[in-house]
Amino acid sequence: MDGLLMEDWLPIILTCILVAVMIVTLAFFMNKAVLYTITTIVSLLCIILIVYGIVGLGGWEGMGVGIFSVSAFLGLTVGVLICPFINSK
């Protein structure tokens, strides 16, 4: 039963981890100002997708879009919180 539950949540968890790894990887190669600008734009996009999922789509489809957007936003936040500890350009 637990394996089946993990299988259903795996894409959402991987979305969060993948976005966090992408932000941390970008922190190695980019200036901090550019990195924070990109993360601000992506976080606004996530918030717009959450609102669109609730208001525009509704139902189970909207819930799915909202959950993926929340997962990406959470990964983005974790990645940004890790960035100050990374030495970059």
C-alpha atoms as a PDB file:
ATOM      1  CA  MET A   1       0.000   0.000   0.000  1.00  0.00           C
ATOM      2  CA  ASP A   2       2.775   2.462   0.862  1.00  0.00           C
ATOM      3  CA  GLY A   3       4.577   1.720  -2.407  1.00  0.00           C
ATOM      4  CA  LEU A   4       1.448   2.538  -4.372  1.00  0.00           C
ATOM      5  CA  LEU A   5       0.997   5.814  -2.495  1.00  0.00           C
ATOM      6  CA  MET A   6       4.608   6.758  -3.160  1.00  0.00           C
ATOM      7  CA  GLU A   7       4.164   5.946  -6.841  1.00  0.00           C
ATOM      8  CA  ASP A   8       1.298   8.424  -7.103  1.00  0.00           C
ATOM      9  CA  TRP A   9       3.177  11.240  -5.362  1.00  0.00           C
ATOM     10  CA  LEU A  10       6.491  10.591  -7.129  1.00  0.00           C
ATOM     11  CA  PRO A  11       6.012  13.062 -10.047  1.00  0.00           C
ATOM     12  CA  ILE A  12       5.084  15.841  -7.635  1.00  0.00           C
ATOM     13  CA  ILE A  13       8.068  15.146  -5.362  1.00  0.00           C
ATOM     14  CA  LEU A  14      10.393  14.913  -8.370  1.00  0.00           C
ATOM     15  CA  THR A  15       9.092  18.254  -9.666  1.00  0.00           C
ATOM     16  CA  CYS A  16      10.017  19.890  -6.377  1.00  0.00           C
ATOM     17  CA  ILE A  17      13.477  18.296  -6.301  1.00  0.00           C
ATOM     18  CA  LEU A  18      14.165  19.003  -9.973  1.00  0.00           C
ATOM     19  CA  VAL A  19      13.297  22.701  -9.675  1.00  0.00           C
ATOM     20  CA  ALA A  20      15.462  23.049  -6.548  1.00  0.00           C
ATOM     21  CA  VAL A  21      18.412  21.357  -8.277  1.00  0.00           C
ATOM     22  CA  MET A  22      17.978  23.556 -11.354  1.00  0.00           C
ATOM     23  CA  ILE A  23      18.041  26.739  -9.253  1.00  0.00           C
ATOM     24  CA  VAL A  24      21.108  25.599  -7.321  1.00  0.00           C
ATOM     25  CA  THR A  25      22.832  24.670 -10.593  1.00  0.00           C
ATOM     26  CA  LEU A  26      22.024  28.093 -12.056  1.00  0.00           C
ATOM     27  CA  ALA A  27      23.532  29.678  -8.934  1.00  0.00           C
ATOM     28  CA  PHE A  28      26.932  28.297  -9.934  1.00  0.00           C
ATOM     29  CA  PHE A  29      26.907  29.935 -13.360  1.00  0.00           C
ATOM     30  CA  MET A  30      24.943  33.178 -12.963  1.00  0.00           C
ATOM     31  CA  ASN A  31      25.216  36.465 -11.201  1.00  0.00           C
ATOM     32  CA  LYS A  32      23.040  36.705  -8.087  1.00  0.00           C
ATOM     33  CA  ALA A  33      20.968  39.591  -9.462  1.00  0.00           C
ATOM     34  CA  VAL A  34      20.105  37.679 -12.632  1.00  0.00           C
ATOM     35  CA  LEU A  35      19.356  34.535 -10.628  1.00  0.00           C
ATOM     36  CA  TYR A  36      16.988  36.350  -8.282  1.00  0.00           C
ATOM     37  CA  THR A  37      15.262  38.024 -11.235  1.00  0.00           C
ATOM     38  CA  ILE A  38      14.697  34.653 -12.896  1.00  0.00           C
ATOM     39  CA  THR A  39      13.400  33.113  -9.673  1.00  0.00           C
ATOM     40  CA  THR A  40      11.045  36.047  -9.134  1.00  0.00           C
ATOM     41  CA  ILE A  41       9.587  35.640 -12.619  1.00  0.00           C
ATOM     42  CA  VAL A  42       9.215  31.867 -12.215  1.00  0.00           C
ATOM     43  CA  SER A  43       7.610  32.267  -8.790  1.00  0.00           C
ATOM     44  CA  LEU A  44       5.084  34.727 -10.231  1.00  0.00           C
ATOM     45  CA  LEU A  45       4.387  32.215 -12.994  1.00  0.00           C
ATOM     46  CA  CYS A  46       3.775  29.518 -10.360  1.00  0.00           C
ATOM     47  CA  ILE A  47       1.383  31.775  -8.465  1.00  0.00           C
ATOM     48  CA  ILE A  48      -0.489  32.585 -11.689  1.00  0.00           C
ATOM     49  CA  LEU A  49      -0.757  28.854 -12.453  1.00  0.00           C
ATOM     50  CA  ILE A  50      -2.129  28.181  -8.971  1.00  0.00           C
ATOM     51  CA  VAL A  51      -4.809  30.835  -9.414  1.00  0.00           C
ATOM     52  CA  TYR A  52      -5.579  29.576 -12.936  1.00  0.00           C
ATOM     53  CA  GLY A  53      -5.921  26.025 -11.630  1.00  0.00           C
ATOM     54  CA  ILE A  54      -8.385  27.119  -8.957  1.00  0.00           C
ATOM     55  CA  VAL A  55     -10.408  29.681 -10.907  1.00  0.00           C
ATOM     56  CA  GLY A  56      -9.958  28.801 -14.575  1.00  0.00           C
ATOM     57  CA  LEU A  57      -9.938  25.029 -14.652  1.00  0.00           C
ATOM     58  CA  GLY A  58     -11.573  23.950 -11.424  1.00  0.00           C
ATOM     59  CA  GLY A  59     -12.281  20.357 -10.528  1.00  0.00           C
ATOM     60  CA  TRP A  60      -9.641  17.649 -10.488  1.00  0.00           C
ATOM     61  CA  GLU A  61      -7.729  19.124 -13.429  1.00  0.00           C
ATOM     62  CA  GLY A  62      -7.306  22.409 -11.601  1.00  0.00           C
ATOM     63  CA  MET A  63      -6.228  20.545  -8.513  1.00  0.00           C
ATOM     64  CA  GLY A  64      -3.529  18.744 -10.483  1.00  0.00           C
ATOM     65  CA  VAL A  65      -2.205  21.956 -12.018  1.00  0.00           C
ATOM     66  CA  GLY A  66      -2.300  23.606  -8.603  1.00  0.00           C
ATOM     67  CA  ILE A  67      -0.415  20.791  -6.879  1.00  0.00           C
ATOM     68  CA  PHE A  68       2.335  20.802  -9.519  1.00  0.00           C
ATOM     69  CA  SER A  69       2.578  24.589  -9.261  1.00  0.00           C
ATOM     70  CA  VAL A  70       2.826  24.447  -5.472  1.00  0.00           C
ATOM     71  CA  SER A  71       5.479  21.754  -5.780  1.00  0.00           C
ATOM     72  CA  ALA A  72       7.494  23.838  -8.248  1.00  0.00           C
ATOM     73  CA  PHE A  73       7.101  26.906  -6.022  1.00  0.00           C
ATOM     74  CA  LEU A  74       8.291  24.941  -2.991  1.00  0.00           C
ATOM     75  CA  GLY A  75      11.321  23.667  -4.930  1.00  0.00           C
ATOM     76  CA  LEU A  76      12.019  27.199  -6.115  1.00  0.00           C
ATOM     77  CA  THR A  77      11.895  28.496  -2.558  1.00  0.00           C
ATOM     78  CA  VAL A  78      14.216  25.763  -1.280  1.00  0.00           C
ATOM     79  CA  GLY A  79      16.639  26.425  -4.133  1.00  0.00           C
ATOM     80  CA  VAL A  80      16.686  30.147  -3.409  1.00  0.00           C
ATOM     81  CA  LEU A  81      17.270  29.497   0.289  1.00  0.00           C
ATOM     82  CA  ILE A  82      20.276  27.297  -0.545  1.00  0.00           C
ATOM     83  CA  CYS A  83      21.779  29.809  -3.018  1.00  0.00           C
ATOM     84  CA  PRO A  84      23.442  32.159  -0.459  1.00  0.00           C
ATOM     85  CA  PHE A  85      25.613  29.262   0.706  1.00  0.00           C
ATOM     86  CA  ILE A  86      27.004  28.696  -2.807  1.00  0.00           C
ATOM     87  CA  ASN A  87      30.104  30.539  -3.982  1.00  0.00           C
ATOM     88  CA  SER A  88      29.559  31.754  -7.519  1.00  0.00           C
ATOM     89  CA  LYS A  89      30.409  34.666  -9.789  1.00  0.00           C
END
